[in-house]
Amino acid sequence: MREAEGFSPRMSERDLSRAGLVLREEAGGGALQVGPPEVTHFSAPRRNRRPPKVRLVPGQWVRWQINYRYGNQGGPWAYRLETFNVAYGAAPADVFLGTPTRSVDERGFLR
């Protein structure tokens, strides 16, 4: 959502490897490991400790949320919340409308 657009919700689909999310399928295809999203050194809050990878078996999914605050020198703050929904294996079209099998909340206090 963006303030300039009246905070209207938007949704997009993208290649998660390009978004900095590490996905690794275990040998034999029995499980998927989902690693923490990459973070930039230019954002707050600092994340010295990150949660471990999440292991999914077919039919499971994870919702991973992380937020950031960015600032320019003397400029306004910009805020960002990213939510990654990742399912492994075949899933119904409405899979992400329910309760996730696993949930990781990396949202921090942004002042």
PDB file of N, CA and C in Angstrom:
ATOM      1  N   MET A   1       0.848  -1.175   0.000  1.00  0.00           N
ATOM      2  CA  MET A   1       0.000   0.000   0.000  1.00  0.00           C
ATOM      3  C   MET A   1       0.889   1.232   0.000  1.00  0.00           C
ATOM      4  N   ARG A   2       0.419   2.233  -0.662  1.00  0.00           N
ATOM      5  CA  ARG A   2       1.161   3.492  -0.714  1.00  0.00           C
ATOM      6  C   ARG A   2       0.247   4.644  -0.353  1.00  0.00           C
ATOM      7  N   GLU A   3       0.792   5.580   0.402  1.00  0.00           N
ATOM      8  CA  GLU A   3       0.000   6.738   0.816  1.00  0.00           C
ATOM      9  C   GLU A   3      -0.510   7.503  -0.401  1.00  0.00           C
ATOM     10  N   ALA A   4       0.337   7.658  -1.411  1.00  0.00           N
ATOM     11  CA  ALA A   4      -0.043   8.406  -2.613  1.00  0.00           C
ATOM     12  C   ALA A   4      -1.216   7.767  -3.346  1.00  0.00           C
ATOM     13  N   GLU A   5      -1.466   6.482  -3.097  1.00  0.00           N
ATOM     14  CA  GLU A   5      -2.567   5.756  -3.749  1.00  0.00           C
ATOM     15  C   GLU A   5      -3.715   5.505  -2.780  1.00  0.00           C
ATOM     16  N   GLY A   6      -3.764   6.272  -1.692  1.00  0.00           N
ATOM     17  CA  GLY A   6      -4.848   6.144  -0.741  1.00  0.00           C
ATOM     18  C   GLY A   6      -4.801   4.851   0.074  1.00  0.00           C
ATOM     19  N   PHE A   7      -3.618   4.275   0.203  1.00  0.00           N
ATOM     20  CA  PHE A   7      -3.413   3.030   0.940  1.00  0.00           C
ATOM     21  C   PHE A   7      -4.279   1.885   0.417  1.00  0.00           C
ATOM     22  N   SER A   8      -4.497   1.866  -0.876  1.00  0.00           N
ATOM     23  CA  SER A   8      -5.241   0.755  -1.493  1.00  0.00           C
ATOM     24  C   SER A   8      -4.339  -0.473  -1.536  1.00  0.00           C
ATOM     25  N   PRO A   9      -4.838  -1.617  -1.045  1.00  0.00           N
ATOM     26  CA  PRO A   9      -4.011  -2.827  -1.069  1.00  0.00           C
ATOM     27  C   PRO A   9      -3.655  -3.248  -2.489  1.00  0.00           C
ATOM     28  N   ARG A  10      -2.442  -3.763  -2.655  1.00  0.00           N
ATOM     29  CA  ARG A  10      -1.991  -4.292  -3.938  1.00  0.00           C
ATOM     30  C   ARG A  10      -1.417  -5.667  -3.698  1.00  0.00           C
ATOM     31  N   MET A  11      -1.479  -6.491  -4.687  1.00  0.00           N
ATOM     32  CA  MET A  11      -0.886  -7.810  -4.600  1.00  0.00           C
ATOM     33  C   MET A  11      -0.076  -8.034  -5.865  1.00  0.00           C
ATOM     34  N   SER A  12       1.036  -8.745  -5.722  1.00  0.00           N
ATOM     35  CA  SER A  12       1.820  -9.075  -6.899  1.00  0.00           C
ATOM     36  C   SER A  12       2.422 -10.451  -6.703  1.00  0.00           C
ATOM     37  N   GLU A  13       2.729 -11.077  -7.813  1.00  0.00           N
ATOM     38  CA  GLU A  13       3.434 -12.349  -7.792  1.00  0.00           C
ATOM     39  C   GLU A  13       4.778 -12.118  -8.442  1.00  0.00           C
ATOM     40  N   ARG A  14       5.819 -12.695  -7.823  1.00  0.00           N
ATOM     41  CA  ARG A  14       7.148 -12.528  -8.405  1.00  0.00           C
ATOM     42  C   ARG A  14       8.004 -13.730  -8.073  1.00  0.00           C
ATOM     43  N   ASP A  15       9.071 -13.847  -8.779  1.00  0.00           N
ATOM     44  CA  ASP A  15      10.043 -14.899  -8.547  1.00  0.00           C
ATOM     45  C   ASP A  15      10.678 -14.640  -7.188  1.00  0.00           C
ATOM     46  N   LEU A  16      10.442 -15.516  -6.223  1.00  0.00           N
ATOM     47  CA  LEU A  16      10.903 -15.269  -4.862  1.00  0.00           C
ATOM     48  C   LEU A  16      12.416 -15.256  -4.734  1.00  0.00           C
ATOM     49  N   SER A  17      13.122 -15.910  -5.622  1.00  0.00           N
ATOM     50  CA  SER A  17      14.582 -15.860  -5.544  1.00  0.00           C
ATOM     51  C   SER A  17      15.086 -14.458  -5.881  1.00  0.00           C
ATOM     52  N   ARG A  18      14.337 -13.712  -6.658  1.00  0.00           N
ATOM     53  CA  ARG A  18      14.722 -12.342  -6.992  1.00  0.00           C
ATOM     54  C   ARG A  18      14.400 -11.396  -5.840  1.00  0.00           C
ATOM     55  N   ALA A  19      13.494 -11.811  -4.945  1.00  0.00           N
ATOM     56  CA  ALA A  19      13.125 -10.971  -3.810  1.00  0.00           C
ATOM     57  C   ALA A  19      14.056 -11.190  -2.621  1.00  0.00           C
ATOM     58  N   GLY A  20      15.068 -12.012  -2.798  1.00  0.00           N
ATOM     59  CA  GLY A  20      16.016 -12.246  -1.725  1.00  0.00           C
ATOM     60  C   GLY A  20      15.614 -13.356  -0.777  1.00  0.00           C
ATOM     61  N   LEU A  21      14.668 -14.172  -1.169  1.00  0.00           N
ATOM     62  CA  LEU A  21      14.229 -15.295  -0.352  1.00  0.00           C
ATOM     63  C   LEU A  21      14.967 -16.541  -0.837  1.00  0.00           C
ATOM     64  N   VAL A  22      15.563 -17.284   0.086  1.00  0.00           N
ATOM     65  CA  VAL A  22      16.349 -18.460  -0.283  1.00  0.00           C
ATOM     66  C   VAL A  22      15.478 -19.705  -0.191  1.00  0.00           C
ATOM     67  N   LEU A  23      15.275 -20.373  -1.324  1.00  0.00           N
ATOM     68  CA  LEU A  23      14.470 -21.591  -1.390  1.00  0.00           C
ATOM     69  C   LEU A  23      15.376 -22.737  -1.824  1.00  0.00           C
ATOM     70  N   ARG A  24      15.372 -23.820  -1.047  1.00  0.00           N
ATOM     71  CA  ARG A  24      16.188 -24.986  -1.395  1.00  0.00           C
ATOM     72  C   ARG A  24      15.358 -26.241  -1.226  1.00  0.00           C
ATOM     73  N   GLU A  25      15.221 -26.998  -2.322  1.00  0.00           N
ATOM     74  CA  GLU A  25      14.501 -28.267  -2.255  1.00  0.00           C
ATOM     75  C   GLU A  25      15.471 -29.353  -1.806  1.00  0.00           C
ATOM     76  N   GLU A  26      15.059 -30.119  -0.807  1.00  0.00           N
ATOM     77  CA  GLU A  26      15.905 -31.196  -0.308  1.00  0.00           C
ATOM     78  C   GLU A  26      15.993 -32.303  -1.346  1.00  0.00           C
ATOM     79  N   ALA A  27      17.078 -33.050  -1.317  1.00  0.00           N
ATOM     80  CA  ALA A  27      17.272 -34.153  -2.258  1.00  0.00           C
ATOM     81  C   ALA A  27      16.080 -35.103  -2.196  1.00  0.00           C
ATOM     82  N   GLY A  28      15.604 -35.503  -3.342  1.00  0.00           N
ATOM     83  CA  GLY A  28      14.450 -36.397  -3.408  1.00  0.00           C
ATOM     84  C   GLY A  28      13.126 -35.666  -3.451  1.00  0.00           C
ATOM     85  N   GLY A  29      13.136 -34.355  -3.276  1.00  0.00           N
ATOM     86  CA  GLY A  29      11.907 -33.572  -3.384  1.00  0.00           C
ATOM     87  C   GLY A  29      10.922 -33.768  -2.253  1.00  0.00           C
ATOM     88  N   GLY A  30      11.395 -34.221  -1.090  1.00  0.00           N
ATOM     89  CA  GLY A  30      10.478 -34.476   0.021  1.00  0.00           C
ATOM     90  C   GLY A  30      10.170 -33.272   0.880  1.00  0.00           C
ATOM     91  N   ALA A  31      10.977 -32.210   0.747  1.00  0.00           N
ATOM     92  CA  ALA A  31      10.763 -31.022   1.571  1.00  0.00           C
ATOM     93  C   ALA A  31      11.428 -29.804   0.928  1.00  0.00           C
ATOM     94  N   LEU A  32      10.973 -28.641   1.329  1.00  0.00           N
ATOM     95  CA  LEU A  32      11.509 -27.375   0.854  1.00  0.00           C
ATOM     96  C   LEU A  32      11.976 -26.577   2.059  1.00  0.00           C
ATOM     97  N   GLN A  33      13.196 -26.053   1.993  1.00  0.00           N
ATOM     98  CA  GLN A  33      13.694 -25.177   3.041  1.00  0.00           C
ATOM     99  C   GLN A  33      13.548 -23.741   2.579  1.00  0.00           C
ATOM    100  N   VAL A  34      12.929 -22.920   3.415  1.00  0.00           N
ATOM    101  CA  VAL A  34      12.713 -21.501   3.130  1.00  0.00           C
ATOM    102  C   VAL A  34      13.569 -20.714   4.106  1.00  0.00           C
ATOM    103  N   GLY A  35      14.550 -19.988   3.570  1.00  0.00           N
ATOM    104  CA  GLY A  35      15.452 -19.204   4.412  1.00  0.00           C
ATOM    105  C   GLY A  35      14.966 -17.782   4.575  1.00  0.00           C
ATOM    106  N   PRO A  36      15.499 -17.066   5.563  1.00  0.00           N
ATOM    107  CA  PRO A  36      15.083 -15.684   5.812  1.00  0.00           C
ATOM    108  C   PRO A  36      15.334 -14.779   4.608  1.00  0.00           C
ATOM    109  N   PRO A  37      14.441 -13.817   4.364  1.00  0.00           N
ATOM    110  CA  PRO A  37      14.665 -12.850   3.288  1.00  0.00           C
ATOM    111  C   PRO A  37      15.923 -12.027   3.565  1.00  0.00           C
ATOM    112  N   GLU A  38      16.590 -11.621   2.509  1.00  0.00           N
ATOM    113  CA  GLU A  38      17.768 -10.770   2.662  1.00  0.00           C
ATOM    114  C   GLU A  38      17.341  -9.407   3.191  1.00  0.00           C
ATOM    115  N   VAL A  39      18.200  -8.797   3.990  1.00  0.00           N
ATOM    116  CA  VAL A  39      17.941  -7.443   4.479  1.00  0.00           C
ATOM    117  C   VAL A  39      19.119  -6.561   4.098  1.00  0.00           C
ATOM    118  N   THR A  40      18.847  -5.285   3.927  1.00  0.00           N
ATOM    119  CA  THR A  40      19.888  -4.333   3.568  1.00  0.00           C
ATOM    120  C   THR A  40      20.457  -3.681   4.823  1.00  0.00           C
ATOM    121  N   HIS A  41      21.694  -3.269   4.757  1.00  0.00           N
ATOM    122  CA  HIS A  41      22.336  -2.588   5.883  1.00  0.00           C
ATOM    123  C   HIS A  41      21.845  -1.150   6.019  1.00  0.00           C
ATOM    124  N   PHE A  42      21.086  -0.681   5.039  1.00  0.00           N
ATOM    125  CA  PHE A  42      20.628   0.703   5.041  1.00  0.00           C
ATOM    126  C   PHE A  42      19.226   0.842   5.608  1.00  0.00           C
ATOM    127  N   SER A  43      18.711  -0.212   6.199  1.00  0.00           N
ATOM    128  CA  SER A  43      17.359  -0.160   6.750  1.00  0.00           C
ATOM    129  C   SER A  43      17.393  -0.417   8.249  1.00  0.00           C
ATOM    130  N   ALA A  44      16.323  -0.023   8.902  1.00  0.00           N
ATOM    131  CA  ALA A  44      16.140  -0.283  10.331  1.00  0.00           C
ATOM    132  C   ALA A  44      14.894  -1.145  10.479  1.00  0.00           C
ATOM    133  N   PRO A  45      14.753  -1.860  11.544  1.00  0.00           N
ATOM    134  CA  PRO A  45      15.696  -2.020  12.646  1.00  0.00           C
ATOM    135  C   PRO A  45      16.825  -2.981  12.278  1.00  0.00           C
ATOM    136  N   ARG A  46      17.908  -2.915  13.032  1.00  0.00           N
ATOM    137  CA  ARG A  46      19.018  -3.848  12.831  1.00  0.00           C
ATOM    138  C   ARG A  46      18.546  -5.239  13.219  1.00  0.00           C
ATOM    139  N   ARG A  47      18.935  -6.213  12.465  1.00  0.00           N
ATOM    140  CA  ARG A  47      18.557  -7.594  12.741  1.00  0.00           C
ATOM    141  C   ARG A  47      19.831  -8.408  12.920  1.00  0.00           C
ATOM    142  N   ASN A  48      20.317  -8.439  14.161  1.00  0.00           N
ATOM    143  CA  ASN A  48      21.547  -9.169  14.455  1.00  0.00           C
ATOM    144  C   ASN A  48      21.304 -10.669  14.511  1.00  0.00           C
ATOM    145  N   ARG A  49      20.118 -11.059  14.911  1.00  0.00           N
ATOM    146  CA  ARG A  49      19.761 -12.479  14.963  1.00  0.00           C
ATOM    147  C   ARG A  49      18.557 -12.699  14.064  1.00  0.00           C
ATOM    148  N   ARG A  50      18.678 -13.660  13.207  1.00  0.00           N
ATOM    149  CA  ARG A  50      17.601 -13.969  12.271  1.00  0.00           C
ATOM    150  C   ARG A  50      17.008 -15.330  12.622  1.00  0.00           C
ATOM    151  N   PRO A  51      15.733 -15.522  12.330  1.00  0.00           N
ATOM    152  CA  PRO A  51      15.141 -16.830  12.590  1.00  0.00           C
ATOM    153  C   PRO A  51      15.740 -17.901  11.686  1.00  0.00           C
ATOM    154  N   PRO A  52      15.643 -19.163  12.117  1.00  0.00           N
ATOM    155  CA  PRO A  52      16.185 -20.250  11.292  1.00  0.00           C
ATOM    156  C   PRO A  52      15.309 -20.502  10.064  1.00  0.00           C
ATOM    157  N   LYS A  53      15.838 -21.324   9.169  1.00  0.00           N
ATOM    158  CA  LYS A  53      15.074 -21.736   7.991  1.00  0.00           C
ATOM    159  C   LYS A  53      13.814 -22.473   8.433  1.00  0.00           C
ATOM    160  N   VAL A  54      12.808 -22.429   7.573  1.00  0.00           N
ATOM    161  CA  VAL A  54      11.565 -23.160   7.803  1.00  0.00           C
ATOM    162  C   VAL A  54      11.546 -24.333   6.841  1.00  0.00           C
ATOM    163  N   ARG A  55      11.196 -25.502   7.330  1.00  0.00           N
ATOM    164  CA  ARG A  55      11.124 -26.707   6.491  1.00  0.00           C
ATOM    165  C   ARG A  55       9.664 -27.028   6.217  1.00  0.00           C
ATOM    166  N   LEU A  56       9.323 -27.107   4.935  1.00  0.00           N
ATOM    167  CA  LEU A  56       7.960 -27.420   4.514  1.00  0.00           C
ATOM    168  C   LEU A  56       7.932 -28.762   3.796  1.00  0.00           C
ATOM    169  N   VAL A  57       6.913 -29.546   4.064  1.00  0.00           N
ATOM    170  CA  VAL A  57       6.664 -30.773   3.307  1.00  0.00           C
ATOM    171  C   VAL A  57       5.495 -30.482   2.382  1.00  0.00           C
ATOM    172  N   PRO A  58       5.278 -31.303   1.351  1.00  0.00           N
ATOM    173  CA  PRO A  58       4.184 -31.029   0.409  1.00  0.00           C
ATOM    174  C   PRO A  58       2.850 -30.798   1.130  1.00  0.00           C
ATOM    175  N   GLY A  59       2.180 -29.742   0.673  1.00  0.00           N
ATOM    176  CA  GLY A  59       0.886 -29.379   1.253  1.00  0.00           C
ATOM    177  C   GLY A  59       0.987 -28.332   2.349  1.00  0.00           C
ATOM    178  N   GLN A  60       2.186 -28.002   2.796  1.00  0.00           N
ATOM    179  CA  GLN A  60       2.353 -26.988   3.839  1.00  0.00           C
ATOM    180  C   GLN A  60       2.735 -25.646   3.218  1.00  0.00           C
ATOM    181  N   TRP A  61       2.504 -24.573   4.014  1.00  0.00           N
ATOM    182  CA  TRP A  61       2.930 -23.253   3.559  1.00  0.00           C
ATOM    183  C   TRP A  61       3.340 -22.384   4.740  1.00  0.00           C
ATOM    184  N   VAL A  62       4.155 -21.373   4.435  1.00  0.00           N
ATOM    185  CA  VAL A  62       4.654 -20.454   5.454  1.00  0.00           C
ATOM    186  C   VAL A  62       4.289 -19.035   5.060  1.00  0.00           C
ATOM    187  N   ARG A  63       3.974 -18.224   6.065  1.00  0.00           N
ATOM    188  CA  ARG A  63       3.811 -16.770   5.885  1.00  0.00           C
ATOM    189  C   ARG A  63       4.952 -16.112   6.649  1.00  0.00           C
ATOM    190  N   TRP A  64       5.811 -15.384   5.915  1.00  0.00           N
ATOM    191  CA  TRP A  64       6.974 -14.733   6.512  1.00  0.00           C
ATOM    192  C   TRP A  64       6.785 -13.231   6.365  1.00  0.00           C
ATOM    193  N   GLN A  65       6.739 -12.505   7.487  1.00  0.00           N
ATOM    194  CA  GLN A  65       6.554 -11.058   7.444  1.00  0.00           C
ATOM    195  C   GLN A  65       7.788 -10.360   8.003  1.00  0.00           C
ATOM    196  N   ILE A  66       8.172  -9.275   7.338  1.00  0.00           N
ATOM    197  CA  ILE A  66       9.337  -8.497   7.758  1.00  0.00           C
ATOM    198  C   ILE A  66       9.090  -7.039   7.373  1.00  0.00           C
ATOM    199  N   ASN A  67       9.506  -6.118   8.232  1.00  0.00           N
ATOM    200  CA  ASN A  67       9.312  -4.700   7.935  1.00  0.00           C
ATOM    201  C   ASN A  67      10.626  -3.936   8.016  1.00  0.00           C
ATOM    202  N   TYR A  68      10.619  -2.746   7.420  1.00  0.00           N
ATOM    203  CA  TYR A  68      11.820  -1.927   7.336  1.00  0.00           C
ATOM    204  C   TYR A  68      11.459  -0.455   7.459  1.00  0.00           C
ATOM    205  N   ARG A  69      12.458   0.346   7.828  1.00  0.00           N
ATOM    206  CA  ARG A  69      12.345   1.803   7.774  1.00  0.00           C
ATOM    207  C   ARG A  69      13.604   2.298   7.079  1.00  0.00           C
ATOM    208  N   TYR A  70      13.427   3.164   6.114  1.00  0.00           N
ATOM    209  CA  TYR A  70      14.542   3.743   5.357  1.00  0.00           C
ATOM    210  C   TYR A  70      14.490   5.252   5.529  1.00  0.00           C
ATOM    211  N   GLY A  71      15.637   5.885   5.480  1.00  0.00           N
ATOM    212  CA  GLY A  71      15.644   7.338   5.572  1.00  0.00           C
ATOM    213  C   GLY A  71      16.713   7.954   4.706  1.00  0.00           C
ATOM    214  N   ASN A  72      16.418   9.136   4.197  1.00  0.00           N
ATOM    215  CA  ASN A  72      17.406   9.915   3.449  1.00  0.00           C
ATOM    216  C   ASN A  72      18.047  10.897   4.409  1.00  0.00           C
ATOM    217  N   GLN A  73      19.170  11.443   4.034  1.00  0.00           N
ATOM    218  CA  GLN A  73      19.810  12.441   4.878  1.00  0.00           C
ATOM    219  C   GLN A  73      18.917  13.663   4.959  1.00  0.00           C
ATOM    220  N   GLY A  74      18.287  13.843   6.111  1.00  0.00           N
ATOM    221  CA  GLY A  74      17.402  14.994   6.313  1.00  0.00           C
ATOM    222  C   GLY A  74      16.056  14.864   5.626  1.00  0.00           C
ATOM    223  N   GLY A  75      15.800  13.767   4.946  1.00  0.00           N
ATOM    224  CA  GLY A  75      14.536  13.585   4.237  1.00  0.00           C
ATOM    225  C   GLY A  75      13.525  12.806   5.065  1.00  0.00           C
ATOM    226  N   PRO A  76      12.376  12.549   4.490  1.00  0.00           N
ATOM    227  CA  PRO A  76      11.341  11.825   5.227  1.00  0.00           C
ATOM    228  C   PRO A  76      11.664  10.329   5.325  1.00  0.00           C
ATOM    229  N   TRP A  77      11.073   9.692   6.319  1.00  0.00           N
ATOM    230  CA  TRP A  77      11.214   8.251   6.473  1.00  0.00           C
ATOM    231  C   TRP A  77      10.301   7.536   5.488  1.00  0.00           C
ATOM    232  N   ALA A  78      10.739   6.399   5.034  1.00  0.00           N
ATOM    233  CA  ALA A  78       9.912   5.533   4.186  1.00  0.00           C
ATOM    234  C   ALA A  78       9.802   4.190   4.912  1.00  0.00           C
ATOM    235  N   TYR A  79       8.613   3.604   4.899  1.00  0.00           N
ATOM    236  CA  TYR A  79       8.369   2.354   5.598  1.00  0.00           C
ATOM    237  C   TYR A  79       7.933   1.282   4.605  1.00  0.00           C
ATOM    238  N   ARG A  80       8.283   0.045   4.929  1.00  0.00           N
ATOM    239  CA  ARG A  80       7.928  -1.050   4.030  1.00  0.00           C
ATOM    240  C   ARG A  80       7.626  -2.307   4.852  1.00  0.00           C
ATOM    241  N   LEU A  81       6.549  -2.984   4.480  1.00  0.00           N
ATOM    242  CA  LEU A  81       6.207  -4.281   5.061  1.00  0.00           C
ATOM    243  C   LEU A  81       6.123  -5.267   3.915  1.00  0.00           C
ATOM    244  N   GLU A  82       6.855  -6.368   4.039  1.00  0.00           N
ATOM    245  CA  GLU A  82       6.800  -7.416   3.024  1.00  0.00           C
ATOM    246  C   GLU A  82       6.234  -8.676   3.661  1.00  0.00           C
ATOM    247  N   THR A  83       5.320  -9.304   2.951  1.00  0.00           N
ATOM    248  CA  THR A  83       4.745 -10.568   3.384  1.00  0.00           C
ATOM    249  C   THR A  83       4.975 -11.580   2.281  1.00  0.00           C
ATOM    250  N   PHE A  84       5.694 -12.642   2.617  1.00  0.00           N
ATOM    251  CA  PHE A  84       5.961 -13.721   1.673  1.00  0.00           C
ATOM    252  C   PHE A  84       5.100 -14.909   2.057  1.00  0.00           C
ATOM    253  N   ASN A  85       4.268 -15.360   1.149  1.00  0.00           N
ATOM    254  CA  ASN A  85       3.491 -16.581   1.322  1.00  0.00           C
ATOM    255  C   ASN A  85       4.084 -17.612   0.377  1.00  0.00           C
ATOM    256  N   VAL A  86       4.593 -18.718   0.935  1.00  0.00           N
ATOM    257  CA  VAL A  86       5.257 -19.736   0.128  1.00  0.00           C
ATOM    258  C   VAL A  86       4.615 -21.086   0.430  1.00  0.00           C
ATOM    259  N   ALA A  87       4.070 -21.720  -0.611  1.00  0.00           N
ATOM    260  CA  ALA A  87       3.488 -23.062  -0.479  1.00  0.00           C
ATOM    261  C   ALA A  87       4.395 -24.050  -1.190  1.00  0.00           C
ATOM    262  N   TYR A  88       4.430 -25.271  -0.675  1.00  0.00           N
ATOM    263  CA  TYR A  88       5.237 -26.312  -1.303  1.00  0.00           C
ATOM    264  C   TYR A  88       4.316 -27.412  -1.793  1.00  0.00           C
ATOM    265  N   GLY A  89       4.437 -27.731  -3.072  1.00  0.00           N
ATOM    266  CA  GLY A  89       3.606 -28.770  -3.672  1.00  0.00           C
ATOM    267  C   GLY A  89       2.299 -28.196  -4.197  1.00  0.00           C
ATOM    268  N   ALA A  90       1.423 -29.104  -4.599  1.00  0.00           N
ATOM    269  CA  ALA A  90       0.124 -28.686  -5.140  1.00  0.00           C
ATOM    270  C   ALA A  90      -0.695 -28.005  -4.040  1.00  0.00           C
ATOM    271  N   ALA A  91      -1.370 -26.914  -4.409  1.00  0.00           N
ATOM    272  CA  ALA A  91      -2.170 -26.170  -3.442  1.00  0.00           C
ATOM    273  C   ALA A  91      -3.374 -25.573  -4.149  1.00  0.00           C
ATOM    274  N   PRO A  92      -4.509 -25.463  -3.448  1.00  0.00           N
ATOM    275  CA  PRO A  92      -5.680 -24.835  -4.054  1.00  0.00           C
ATOM    276  C   PRO A  92      -5.443 -23.341  -4.265  1.00  0.00           C
ATOM    277  N   ALA A  93      -6.219 -22.737  -5.141  1.00  0.00           N
ATOM    278  CA  ALA A  93      -6.048 -21.321  -5.475  1.00  0.00           C
ATOM    279  C   ALA A  93      -6.209 -20.415  -4.263  1.00  0.00           C
ATOM    280  N   ASP A  94      -7.010 -20.816  -3.296  1.00  0.00           N
ATOM    281  CA  ASP A  94      -7.265 -19.965  -2.136  1.00  0.00           C
ATOM    282  C   ASP A  94      -6.398 -20.342  -0.924  1.00  0.00           C
ATOM    283  N   VAL A  95      -5.317 -21.055  -1.141  1.00  0.00           N
ATOM    284  CA  VAL A  95      -4.482 -21.557  -0.043  1.00  0.00           C
ATOM    285  C   VAL A  95      -4.043 -20.454   0.910  1.00  0.00           C
ATOM    286  N   PHE A  96      -3.701 -19.279   0.406  1.00  0.00           N
ATOM    287  CA  PHE A  96      -3.154 -18.229   1.253  1.00  0.00           C
ATOM    288  C   PHE A  96      -4.221 -17.436   2.001  1.00  0.00           C
ATOM    289  N   LEU A  97      -5.481 -17.803   1.846  1.00  0.00           N
ATOM    290  CA  LEU A  97      -6.560 -17.136   2.575  1.00  0.00           C
ATOM    291  C   LEU A  97      -6.781 -17.770   3.948  1.00  0.00           C
ATOM    292  N   GLY A  98      -6.177 -18.915   4.183  1.00  0.00           N
ATOM    293  CA  GLY A  98      -6.355 -19.620   5.449  1.00  0.00           C
ATOM    294  C   GLY A  98      -5.224 -19.335   6.425  1.00  0.00           C
ATOM    295  N   THR A  99      -5.119 -20.204   7.406  1.00  0.00           N
ATOM    296  CA  THR A  99      -4.082 -20.103   8.420  1.00  0.00           C
ATOM    297  C   THR A  99      -2.838 -20.855   7.941  1.00  0.00           C
ATOM    298  N   PRO A 100      -1.663 -20.211   7.990  1.00  0.00           N
ATOM    299  CA  PRO A 100      -0.458 -20.875   7.514  1.00  0.00           C
ATOM    300  C   PRO A 100      -0.046 -22.038   8.411  1.00  0.00           C
ATOM    301  N   THR A 101       0.629 -23.013   7.816  1.00  0.00           N
ATOM    302  CA  THR A 101       1.192 -24.121   8.575  1.00  0.00           C
ATOM    303  C   THR A 101       2.270 -23.603   9.507  1.00  0.00           C
ATOM    304  N   ARG A 102       3.096 -22.700   8.989  1.00  0.00           N
ATOM    305  CA  ARG A 102       4.172 -22.073   9.761  1.00  0.00           C
ATOM    306  C   ARG A 102       4.077 -20.571   9.550  1.00  0.00           C
ATOM    307  N   SER A 103       4.454 -19.824  10.562  1.00  0.00           N
ATOM    308  CA  SER A 103       4.418 -18.367  10.479  1.00  0.00           C
ATOM    309  C   SER A 103       5.684 -17.811  11.112  1.00  0.00           C
ATOM    310  N   VAL A 104       6.329 -16.876  10.410  1.00  0.00           N
ATOM    311  CA  VAL A 104       7.520 -16.213  10.939  1.00  0.00           C
ATOM    312  C   VAL A 104       7.244 -14.716  10.916  1.00  0.00           C
ATOM    313  N   ASP A 105       7.336 -14.091  12.085  1.00  0.00           N
ATOM    314  CA  ASP A 105       7.057 -12.664  12.215  1.00  0.00           C
ATOM    315  C   ASP A 105       8.341 -11.937  12.597  1.00  0.00           C
ATOM    316  N   GLU A 106       8.927 -11.257  11.608  1.00  0.00           N
ATOM    317  CA  GLU A 106      10.139 -10.483  11.854  1.00  0.00           C
ATOM    318  C   GLU A 106       9.845  -8.981  11.904  1.00  0.00           C
ATOM    319  N   ARG A 107       8.590  -8.643  12.146  1.00  0.00           N
ATOM    320  CA  ARG A 107       8.261  -7.230  12.240  1.00  0.00           C
ATOM    321  C   ARG A 107       8.882  -6.652  13.510  1.00  0.00           C
ATOM    322  N   GLY A 108       9.540  -5.542  13.353  1.00  0.00           N
ATOM    323  CA  GLY A 108      10.208  -4.890  14.481  1.00  0.00           C
ATOM    324  C   GLY A 108       9.636  -3.523  14.735  1.00  0.00           C
ATOM    325  N   PHE A 109      10.000  -2.953  15.881  1.00  0.00           N
ATOM    326  CA  PHE A 109       9.581  -1.599  16.239  1.00  0.00           C
ATOM    327  C   PHE A 109      10.312  -0.604  15.356  1.00  0.00           C
ATOM    328  N   LEU A 110       9.570   0.257  14.668  1.00  0.00           N
ATOM    329  CA  LEU A 110      10.182   1.170  13.684  1.00  0.00           C
ATOM    330  C   LEU A 110      10.204   2.628  14.083  1.00  0.00           C
ATOM    331  N   ARG A 111       9.689   3.013  15.213  1.00  0.00           N
ATOM    332  CA  ARG A 111       9.615   4.402  15.707  1.00  0.00           C
ATOM    333  C   ARG A 111       8.958   5.311  14.721  1.00  0.00           C
TER     334      ARG A 111
END
